[in-house]
Amino acid sequence: MKISKRTVILLVLAILLAVGIGGGYIWFNWHDGHEQGDKTVQGTVQYTCPMHPFIIKDKPGACPICGMSLVPVQKGGGEKGAKAENGELSELTLSPTQQLMANVETEEARNEPFANEITAVGIVAYDQARQAKVTAWIAGRIDRLYVTRVGDWVSRSRPVAEVYSPDLVSAQQEYLLALKSRATLKDSPIASISQGGEGLVASARQKLKLMGVKNHQIASLERSGEPNIRLPIYTPLSGVVIEKLVLAGQYVNVGDPLFAIADLSTVWVDVEVYENEFPFVKIGQKVEFSSQSYPGTIFTGKVSFVYPFLDPNTRTIKVRVELPNPGGKLKPEMYMRGVIKVPQGMGLTVPVTAVLDTGKRKVVWVEKKPGSYVPRDVTTADQAGGRVRILSGLTAGEKVAVSGGYLIDSEAQLKGGAGGGHEGHAGTTAGPQEGKSAPAPATGHEGHGTTAPAKKAPSLDMDDMRM
């Protein structure tokens, strides 16, 4: 049988085509198997929601709950997450996106002077050492008042009133007569007579001073030779008039009060401290005050006295604090909130937000390297000023997560590590044990022995959720 040349060429082409197709099929299968092997080694890329990490998808998209864009997360042998040792979490790694969404911030633990804080409230009061009363030194009539209102500021160098007194006029005339007598008797050859003139002047001068006449007023009397009809009255200190007790034209007797004056440049704040805290309060300790009247302003004073008695109703002891009052900002009877600083020496401290309290344990997340965190049990002491003192579990210089710690802890729980398996962790609830169903709550009336069917909750697509 004779085969044509054309037929031979067609057969050869068919054989070459079959070999090519077969070789391509084998090569593609080998390449796909190799890529699958690499993916098995490197881990399968999946996608999760930063706010709802239990949402897991095999491809990018939006979260079915909040609508946020899903972020990639590695699963498998090359997982960027928890590194397990004996089934427990030893390290958790977050991607930059997860750190940004969780607002993770770190701060170094540091040794610094630490002071315990005792919080107390009190009321502003007058400094009793800076109060005075203006009284009448002589009997007479108030001819003029220079201070007419409560709240006026007065100075000790200026008179507050003038009093007319016949007794004052008589005393001034006696003094002038004593001066003339001294001038007449000083030239006497008899020593007792010449010295008697000096005695008369001294006696008359003392009488004027007992009436409240100042030295410069006596000097003015000597120069003029005429008695003053009115006596100016001065205040013993500069301050604010807190009480006005007389009117112009009123007659007063010796010792009658005219005004009450208070110097408000320094005030007292009597704070109440509970009986279990007052043993730590010492004279001279620093106290910082704040007031609703001046938000953000701190007034600093010192403990000056601890009262020797306790209030049986409130079980508190009053502590007196002296407080400078520049500008008179603090008014008597104003409420103040004070913090008494009790020095505790040097201590290792971290922000309070860095410590997660589970009820049985206190845990901080320590940054081993950027984005990598490990849980650490710590023992804490007292806290003050937003910082807590660490007794054990940390060393100075280690960085801890001060914000986003709860989200790190939640991520660890989702990964099944020890960091998320805290006993008694706040915000976690114990569900039914695996393999056992929780009994349905009885909703029927007591004694009927029946249960009403539970209402069906709105359904949510759970296909994308992997707990």
Protein backbone atom coordinates (compact mmCIF):
# COMPACT_ATOMS: atom_id res chain seq x y z
CA MET A 1 0.00 0.00 0.00
CA LYS A 2 1.46 3.27 -1.04
CA ILE A 3 1.19 6.25 1.37
CA SER A 4 1.22 9.67 -0.10
CA LYS A 5 3.68 12.31 1.02
CA ARG A 6 0.88 14.57 2.16
CA THR A 7 -0.48 11.92 4.50
CA VAL A 8 2.94 11.43 6.11
CA ILE A 9 3.27 15.16 6.80
CA LEU A 10 -0.18 15.27 8.43
CA LEU A 11 0.67 12.29 10.66
CA VAL A 12 3.93 13.89 11.76
CA LEU A 13 2.13 17.16 12.63
CA ALA A 14 -0.53 15.26 14.59
CA ILE A 15 2.14 13.41 16.59
CA LEU A 16 4.03 16.66 17.35
CA LEU A 17 0.78 18.35 18.45
CA ALA A 18 -0.09 15.47 20.78
CA VAL A 19 3.42 15.54 22.31
CA GLY A 20 3.16 19.31 22.83
CA ILE A 21 -0.22 19.11 24.50
CA GLY A 22 0.89 16.24 26.73
CA GLY A 23 4.12 18.01 27.72
CA GLY A 24 2.28 21.25 28.50
CA TYR A 25 -0.24 19.40 30.64
CA ILE A 26 2.53 17.68 32.62
CA TRP A 27 4.46 20.96 33.06
CA PHE A 28 1.39 22.90 34.27
CA ASN A 29 0.51 20.12 36.73
CA TRP A 30 4.08 20.10 38.08
CA HIS A 31 4.20 23.93 38.38
CA ASP A 32 0.81 24.05 40.11
CA GLY A 33 1.87 21.32 42.52
CA HIS A 34 5.07 23.21 43.29
CA GLU A 35 3.16 26.44 43.97
CA GLN A 36 0.72 24.59 46.21
CA GLY A 37 3.67 23.14 48.10
CA ASP A 38 5.14 26.62 48.54
CA LYS A 39 1.81 27.92 49.77
CA THR A 40 1.60 25.05 52.21
CA VAL A 41 5.04 25.97 53.51
CA GLN A 42 4.47 29.73 53.50
CA GLY A 43 0.90 29.62 54.75
CA THR A 44 -2.41 30.50 53.11
CA VAL A 45 -3.25 34.21 52.99
CA GLN A 46 -6.66 34.91 54.52
CA TYR A 47 -8.44 38.12 55.39
CA THR A 48 -9.96 39.36 58.65
CA CYS A 49 -11.65 42.46 60.05
CA PRO A 50 -9.48 44.55 62.44
CA MET A 51 -12.54 45.31 64.60
CA HIS A 52 -14.10 41.83 64.41
CA PRO A 53 -11.20 39.37 64.20
CA PHE A 54 -13.52 36.36 64.23
CA ILE A 55 -14.50 37.24 60.63
CA ILE A 56 -12.21 35.16 58.38
CA LYS A 57 -12.41 35.12 54.57
CA ASP A 58 -10.27 33.59 51.83
CA LYS A 59 -10.40 36.70 49.66
CA PRO A 60 -10.40 40.47 50.22
CA GLY A 61 -13.64 42.34 50.70
CA ALA A 62 -15.72 44.15 53.32
CA CYS A 63 -16.65 43.05 56.84
CA PRO A 64 -20.29 41.86 56.90
CA ILE A 65 -20.78 43.51 60.31
CA CYS A 66 -19.14 46.95 60.17
CA GLY A 67 -18.28 47.27 56.49
CA MET A 68 -14.56 47.90 57.07
CA SER A 69 -12.06 46.63 54.52
CA LEU A 70 -10.59 43.26 55.44
CA VAL A 71 -6.84 43.05 56.06
CA PRO A 72 -4.60 40.09 55.15
CA VAL A 73 -3.50 37.68 57.85
CA GLN A 74 -1.23 34.64 57.45
CA LYS A 75 -2.39 31.17 58.47
CA GLY A 76 -0.36 28.02 58.54
CA GLY A 77 3.34 27.32 59.08
CA GLY A 78 4.42 30.91 58.35
CA GLU A 79 1.70 32.56 60.48
CA LYS A 80 2.44 36.06 61.79
CA GLY A 81 0.71 35.56 65.07
CA ALA A 82 1.11 33.50 68.17
CA LYS A 83 4.12 31.26 68.53
CA ALA A 84 2.98 28.31 70.61
CA GLU A 85 5.13 26.51 73.09
CA ASN A 86 3.52 23.52 74.83
CA GLY A 87 0.16 24.77 73.59
CA GLU A 88 0.50 28.19 75.28
CA LEU A 89 1.05 31.60 73.74
CA SER A 90 4.57 32.94 74.13
CA GLU A 91 4.55 35.74 71.54
CA LEU A 92 1.97 37.61 69.49
CA THR A 93 2.84 39.55 66.35
CA LEU A 94 0.56 42.18 64.87
CA SER A 95 0.79 43.59 61.40
CA PRO A 96 1.28 47.38 61.00
CA THR A 97 -2.35 47.67 59.94
CA GLN A 98 -3.56 45.82 63.04
CA GLN A 99 -1.40 48.01 65.28
CA LEU A 100 -2.80 51.13 63.65
CA MET A 101 -6.39 49.99 63.96
CA ALA A 102 -5.88 48.93 67.60
CA ASN A 103 -4.13 52.24 68.40
CA VAL A 104 -1.26 50.41 70.09
CA GLU A 105 1.19 52.68 71.93
CA THR A 106 4.14 51.67 74.08
CA GLU A 107 6.09 53.33 76.90
CA GLU A 108 9.15 52.34 78.87
CA ALA A 109 8.92 51.28 82.50
CA ARG A 110 11.05 53.69 84.49
CA ASN A 111 12.43 54.24 87.98
CA GLU A 112 11.26 57.55 89.41
CA PRO A 113 10.31 59.17 92.72
CA PHE A 114 6.88 57.90 93.68
CA ALA A 115 4.41 59.49 96.05
CA ASN A 116 1.18 58.00 97.27
CA GLU A 117 -1.84 60.28 97.03
CA ILE A 118 -4.50 60.89 99.65
CA THR A 119 -7.53 62.61 98.18
CA ALA A 120 -9.57 64.88 100.43
CA VAL A 121 -12.04 67.72 100.14
CA GLY A 122 -12.13 70.89 102.18
CA ILE A 123 -13.42 74.44 102.48
CA VAL A 124 -11.44 77.67 102.20
CA ALA A 125 -11.30 79.62 105.46
CA TYR A 126 -9.70 82.82 106.75
CA ASP A 127 -6.18 82.59 108.08
CA GLN A 128 -6.87 83.29 111.75
CA ALA A 129 -3.37 84.69 112.20
CA ARG A 130 -4.22 87.34 109.60
CA GLN A 131 -7.46 88.68 111.06
CA ALA A 132 -7.94 91.77 113.20
CA LYS A 133 -10.60 94.07 114.66
CA VAL A 134 -10.48 97.86 114.57
CA THR A 135 -11.67 99.18 117.93
CA ALA A 136 -12.19 102.59 119.54
CA TRP A 137 -9.29 103.60 121.76
CA ILE A 138 -11.26 106.52 123.20
CA ALA A 139 -14.90 107.36 123.81
CA GLY A 140 -16.39 109.78 121.33
CA ARG A 141 -18.40 110.36 118.17
CA ILE A 142 -17.62 108.92 114.71
CA ASP A 143 -17.33 112.11 112.70
CA ARG A 144 -16.09 110.55 109.45
CA LEU A 145 -15.92 107.07 107.90
CA TYR A 146 -13.42 106.42 105.14
CA VAL A 147 -14.69 102.84 104.70
CA THR A 148 -18.38 102.50 104.01
CA ARG A 149 -18.80 98.98 102.54
CA VAL A 150 -17.96 95.42 103.41
CA GLY A 151 -15.40 94.10 100.93
CA ASP A 152 -13.43 97.35 100.66
CA TRP A 153 -9.67 96.99 100.80
CA VAL A 154 -7.92 98.98 103.55
CA SER A 155 -4.29 99.76 104.30
CA ARG A 156 -2.65 100.08 107.68
CA SER A 157 -1.04 103.34 106.52
CA ARG A 158 -4.39 105.07 105.94
CA PRO A 159 -7.10 105.94 108.49
CA VAL A 160 -10.44 104.15 108.31
CA ALA A 161 -12.35 106.68 110.46
CA GLU A 162 -12.05 109.87 112.53
CA VAL A 163 -13.38 110.24 116.09
CA TYR A 164 -14.17 113.46 117.94
CA SER A 165 -13.53 113.12 121.68
CA PRO A 166 -13.45 115.83 124.40
CA ASP A 167 -11.11 113.58 126.38
CA LEU A 168 -8.67 113.60 123.48
CA VAL A 169 -8.72 117.41 123.27
CA SER A 170 -8.09 117.64 127.02
CA ALA A 171 -5.18 115.20 126.82
CA GLN A 172 -3.57 117.19 124.00
CA GLN A 173 -3.89 120.42 125.98
CA GLU A 174 -2.24 118.74 128.96
CA TYR A 175 0.66 117.71 126.74
CA LEU A 176 1.11 121.22 125.38
CA LEU A 177 1.05 122.60 128.94
CA ALA A 178 3.68 120.03 129.98
CA LEU A 179 5.92 121.19 127.16
CA LYS A 180 5.68 124.80 128.33
CA SER A 181 6.36 123.75 131.93
CA ARG A 182 9.45 121.84 130.89
CA ALA A 183 10.79 124.87 128.99
CA THR A 184 10.24 127.04 132.11
CA LEU A 185 11.67 124.64 134.68
CA LYS A 186 14.68 123.35 132.78
CA ASP A 187 16.79 126.39 133.80
CA SER A 188 16.06 125.94 137.52
CA PRO A 189 19.21 125.42 139.65
CA ILE A 190 17.32 122.85 141.70
CA ALA A 191 17.76 119.46 140.04
CA SER A 192 14.44 118.06 141.28
CA ILE A 193 12.53 120.95 139.75
CA SER A 194 14.35 120.80 136.39
CA GLN A 195 13.78 117.03 136.16
CA GLY A 196 10.15 117.43 137.16
CA GLY A 197 9.43 119.15 133.88
CA GLU A 198 10.67 116.14 131.97
CA GLY A 199 8.44 113.90 134.04
CA LEU A 200 5.35 115.95 133.24
CA VAL A 201 6.05 115.72 129.49
CA ALA A 202 6.65 111.98 129.62
CA SER A 203 3.43 111.38 131.56
CA ALA A 204 1.31 113.49 129.17
CA ARG A 205 2.91 111.81 126.15
CA GLN A 206 2.15 108.34 127.51
CA LYS A 207 -1.48 109.32 128.05
CA LEU A 208 -1.81 110.34 124.39
CA LYS A 209 -0.26 107.09 123.18
CA LEU A 210 -2.71 105.10 125.31
CA MET A 211 -5.50 106.91 123.46
CA GLY A 212 -4.13 105.65 120.14
CA VAL A 213 -2.27 108.77 119.06
CA LYS A 214 0.70 107.92 116.81
CA ASN A 215 4.21 109.34 117.20
CA HIS A 216 3.94 111.38 114.02
CA GLN A 217 0.67 112.87 115.31
CA ILE A 218 2.37 113.87 118.57
CA ALA A 219 5.21 115.48 116.59
CA SER A 220 2.65 117.38 114.53
CA LEU A 221 0.99 118.55 117.76
CA GLU A 222 4.33 119.84 119.05
CA ARG A 223 4.96 121.78 115.83
CA SER A 224 1.51 123.34 115.55
CA GLY A 225 0.88 123.98 119.24
CA GLU A 226 -2.85 123.47 118.61
CA PRO A 227 -4.83 120.35 119.65
CA ASN A 228 -6.47 118.22 116.91
CA ILE A 229 -10.25 118.05 117.26
CA ARG A 230 -10.52 114.63 115.51
CA LEU A 231 -8.40 111.54 116.05
CA PRO A 232 -7.72 109.37 112.97
CA ILE A 233 -8.21 105.63 113.57
CA TYR A 234 -5.94 103.13 111.80
CA THR A 235 -6.28 99.40 111.15
CA PRO A 236 -3.61 97.06 112.57
CA LEU A 237 -3.18 95.28 109.21
CA SER A 238 -3.94 95.68 105.53
CA GLY A 239 -6.71 93.56 104.11
CA VAL A 240 -10.39 93.36 103.26
CA VAL A 241 -13.25 94.59 105.41
CA ILE A 242 -15.34 91.52 106.29
CA GLU A 243 -17.56 93.24 108.87
CA LYS A 244 -18.68 96.87 109.36
CA LEU A 245 -20.15 97.64 112.78
CA VAL A 246 -20.54 101.43 112.95
CA LEU A 247 -22.16 104.35 111.14
CA ALA A 248 -21.12 107.95 110.77
CA GLY A 249 -22.31 110.03 113.75
CA GLN A 250 -22.49 107.04 116.07
CA TYR A 251 -21.11 107.39 119.61
CA VAL A 252 -18.72 104.68 120.75
CA ASN A 253 -17.07 103.76 124.02
CA VAL A 254 -13.53 102.62 124.66
CA GLY A 255 -13.02 99.15 123.20
CA ASP A 256 -16.10 99.09 120.95
CA PRO A 257 -15.39 97.23 117.65
CA LEU A 258 -15.68 99.29 114.48
CA PHE A 259 -14.52 96.95 111.68
CA ALA A 260 -13.30 93.38 111.15
CA ILE A 261 -10.37 93.03 108.74
CA ALA A 262 -8.94 89.92 107.07
CA ASP A 263 -5.77 89.56 105.04
CA LEU A 264 -6.56 87.14 102.18
CA SER A 265 -3.04 86.90 100.78
CA THR A 266 -2.87 83.55 102.59
CA VAL A 267 -5.85 81.32 103.39
CA TRP A 268 -6.51 78.06 105.20
CA VAL A 269 -8.12 74.99 103.73
CA ASP A 270 -9.37 72.49 106.29
CA VAL A 271 -9.53 69.12 104.52
CA GLU A 272 -11.07 65.99 106.01
CA VAL A 273 -8.93 62.84 105.99
CA TYR A 274 -10.25 59.39 106.91
CA GLU A 275 -8.90 57.84 110.09
CA ASN A 276 -7.06 55.07 108.23
CA GLU A 277 -5.14 57.66 106.17
CA PHE A 278 -4.26 60.42 108.62
CA PRO A 279 -1.24 58.56 110.13
CA PHE A 280 0.53 59.16 106.80
CA VAL A 281 -0.07 62.92 106.94
CA LYS A 282 2.86 64.94 108.31
CA ILE A 283 3.49 68.63 108.90
CA GLY A 284 5.08 70.25 105.85
CA GLN A 285 3.78 67.77 103.25
CA LYS A 286 2.85 69.19 99.87
CA VAL A 287 -0.84 69.45 98.97
CA GLU A 288 -2.22 70.26 95.52
CA PHE A 289 -5.70 71.74 95.21
CA SER A 290 -8.10 72.17 92.33
CA SER A 291 -11.36 74.09 92.15
CA GLN A 292 -14.33 74.04 89.84
CA SER A 293 -14.04 77.81 89.63
CA TYR A 294 -10.61 77.59 87.94
CA PRO A 295 -10.47 74.43 85.79
CA GLY A 296 -6.93 73.33 85.02
CA THR A 297 -5.37 75.57 87.70
CA ILE A 298 -3.42 73.93 90.54
CA PHE A 299 -2.98 75.69 93.89
CA THR A 300 -0.12 74.37 96.02
CA GLY A 301 0.11 74.55 99.80
CA LYS A 302 1.62 72.75 102.80
CA VAL A 303 0.19 70.95 105.79
CA SER A 304 0.53 73.23 108.81
CA PHE A 305 -1.50 71.45 111.48
CA VAL A 306 -3.33 68.16 112.16
CA TYR A 307 -6.26 68.63 114.52
CA PRO A 308 -6.07 66.50 117.69
CA PHE A 309 -9.66 65.23 117.56
CA LEU A 310 -11.83 63.08 115.28
CA ASP A 311 -15.35 63.75 114.05
CA PRO A 312 -17.42 60.78 115.30
CA ASN A 313 -20.08 61.28 112.63
CA THR A 314 -17.86 61.27 109.54
CA ARG A 315 -14.92 59.32 111.05
CA THR A 316 -12.55 61.92 109.64
CA ILE A 317 -9.83 64.17 111.02
CA LYS A 318 -9.34 67.73 109.86
CA VAL A 319 -5.98 68.73 108.44
CA ARG A 320 -5.12 72.41 108.08
CA VAL A 321 -3.30 73.48 104.93
CA GLU A 322 -1.83 76.95 104.45
CA LEU A 323 -2.31 78.10 100.89
CA PRO A 324 -0.91 81.23 99.19
CA ASN A 325 -3.69 83.19 97.51
CA PRO A 326 -2.17 85.56 94.93
CA GLY A 327 -4.74 87.87 93.43
CA GLY A 328 -7.35 86.78 95.98
CA LYS A 329 -8.71 84.09 93.66
CA LEU A 330 -9.72 81.78 96.49
CA LYS A 331 -12.73 82.94 98.45
CA PRO A 332 -13.70 81.80 101.96
CA GLU A 333 -16.30 78.99 102.00
CA MET A 334 -15.20 77.82 98.52
CA TYR A 335 -15.02 74.03 98.05
CA MET A 336 -11.62 72.60 97.14
CA ARG A 337 -10.40 69.13 96.16
CA GLY A 338 -6.96 68.37 97.51
CA VAL A 339 -4.35 65.68 96.94
CA ILE A 340 -1.81 65.13 99.73
CA LYS A 341 1.51 63.80 98.44
CA VAL A 342 3.01 61.05 100.65
CA PRO A 343 6.56 60.28 99.39
CA GLN A 344 7.31 56.57 98.94
CA GLY A 345 10.87 56.81 97.59
CA MET A 346 12.05 55.53 94.22
CA GLY A 347 9.97 52.93 92.41
CA LEU A 348 9.48 51.24 89.04
CA THR A 349 6.30 52.63 87.47
CA VAL A 350 4.19 52.23 84.34
CA PRO A 351 0.93 53.91 83.29
CA VAL A 352 -2.17 52.43 84.91
CA THR A 353 -3.59 51.60 81.47
CA ALA A 354 -0.73 49.18 80.82
CA VAL A 355 -1.89 46.72 83.50
CA LEU A 356 -4.74 44.32 82.70
CA ASP A 357 -6.37 43.12 85.91
CA THR A 358 -8.05 39.70 85.42
CA GLY A 359 -9.17 39.41 89.02
CA LYS A 360 -6.60 36.73 89.83
CA ARG A 361 -3.65 37.97 87.81
CA LYS A 362 -2.25 41.28 86.63
CA VAL A 363 -0.72 41.16 83.17
CA VAL A 364 1.17 43.58 80.96
CA TRP A 365 2.07 43.11 77.29
CA VAL A 366 5.80 43.62 76.80
CA GLU A 367 7.13 44.62 73.38
CA LYS A 368 9.99 42.31 72.42
CA LYS A 369 10.47 43.95 69.04
CA PRO A 370 8.34 46.31 66.93
CA GLY A 371 4.95 44.65 66.47
CA SER A 372 5.78 41.63 68.68
CA TYR A 373 4.36 41.32 72.21
CA VAL A 374 4.52 38.78 75.02
CA PRO A 375 2.33 38.64 78.17
CA ARG A 376 4.03 39.12 81.54
CA ASP A 377 2.58 38.62 85.02
CA VAL A 378 3.39 41.51 87.37
CA THR A 379 2.88 42.40 91.01
CA THR A 380 1.67 45.94 91.65
CA ALA A 381 1.46 48.26 94.65
CA ASP A 382 -0.30 51.60 95.04
CA GLN A 383 -1.03 53.97 92.19
CA ALA A 384 -1.02 57.74 91.90
CA GLY A 385 -1.08 60.36 89.17
CA GLY A 386 -2.12 57.86 86.50
CA ARG A 387 0.86 55.57 87.21
CA VAL A 388 1.14 52.33 89.17
CA ARG A 389 4.16 51.03 91.06
CA ILE A 390 5.50 47.62 89.90
CA LEU A 391 7.01 45.38 92.57
CA SER A 392 8.01 42.45 90.35
CA GLY A 393 7.71 41.15 86.79
CA LEU A 394 9.30 44.08 84.93
CA THR A 395 12.66 45.78 84.70
CA ALA A 396 13.43 49.40 83.94
CA GLY A 397 13.64 50.14 80.20
CA GLU A 398 11.24 47.42 79.02
CA LYS A 399 8.49 48.74 76.78
CA VAL A 400 4.88 47.89 77.59
CA ALA A 401 1.67 48.52 75.66
CA VAL A 402 -0.11 51.43 77.35
CA SER A 403 -3.03 51.59 74.90
CA GLY A 404 -4.58 48.87 72.81
CA GLY A 405 -3.66 46.25 75.42
CA TYR A 406 -7.19 44.87 75.60
CA LEU A 407 -7.30 44.46 71.82
CA ILE A 408 -3.94 42.67 71.90
CA ASP A 409 -5.34 40.43 74.63
CA SER A 410 -8.48 39.77 72.58
CA GLU A 411 -6.38 38.80 69.56
CA ALA A 412 -4.44 36.41 71.79
CA GLN A 413 -7.70 34.84 73.01
CA LEU A 414 -8.82 34.29 69.42
CA LYS A 415 -5.54 32.54 68.71
CA GLY A 416 -6.13 30.28 71.71
CA GLY A 417 -2.97 31.25 73.56
CA ALA A 418 -2.29 31.65 77.23
CA GLY A 419 -2.37 35.40 76.89
CA GLY A 420 -6.07 35.23 76.13
CA GLY A 421 -6.87 32.45 78.55
CA HIS A 422 -6.86 34.54 81.70
CA GLU A 423 -9.06 33.15 84.39
CA GLY A 424 -11.75 35.56 85.36
CA HIS A 425 -10.87 37.92 82.54
CA ALA A 426 -13.13 40.90 82.50
CA GLY A 427 -15.43 40.92 79.51
CA THR A 428 -15.38 37.12 78.95
CA THR A 429 -18.16 34.72 79.78
CA ALA A 430 -18.03 30.99 80.20
CA GLY A 431 -20.10 29.16 77.61
CA PRO A 432 -21.36 25.56 77.64
CA GLN A 433 -18.71 22.88 77.69
CA GLU A 434 -17.74 21.23 74.44
CA GLY A 435 -20.00 18.33 73.59
CA LYS A 436 -22.69 19.43 76.04
CA SER A 437 -25.67 21.59 75.26
CA ALA A 438 -26.79 24.24 77.66
CA PRO A 439 -30.30 23.73 79.02
CA ALA A 440 -32.90 26.09 77.63
CA PRO A 441 -34.25 28.51 80.22
CA ALA A 442 -37.77 27.87 81.34
CA THR A 443 -40.07 30.67 80.32
CA GLY A 444 -43.39 29.10 81.26
CA HIS A 445 -45.31 29.90 84.41
CA GLU A 446 -44.03 28.28 87.57
CA GLY A 447 -45.60 24.88 88.16
CA HIS A 448 -46.73 24.33 84.57
CA GLY A 449 -43.68 22.25 83.67
CA THR A 450 -43.59 23.61 80.16
CA THR A 451 -41.18 25.87 78.37
CA ALA A 452 -42.13 28.40 75.76
CA PRO A 453 -40.20 28.27 72.50
CA ALA A 454 -37.50 30.90 72.32
CA LYS A 455 -38.02 33.72 69.87
CA LYS A 456 -35.84 33.44 66.82
CA ALA A 457 -33.25 36.22 66.70
CA PRO A 458 -32.46 38.01 63.45
CA SER A 459 -30.17 35.78 61.45
CA LEU A 460 -26.61 36.77 60.57
CA ASP A 461 -24.59 34.96 57.97
CA MET A 462 -22.18 32.90 60.08
CA ASP A 463 -20.42 31.25 57.15
CA ASP A 464 -17.65 33.84 57.33
CA MET A 465 -17.15 33.57 61.10
CA ARG A 466 -14.64 31.17 62.59
CA MET A 467 -14.40 31.17 66.34
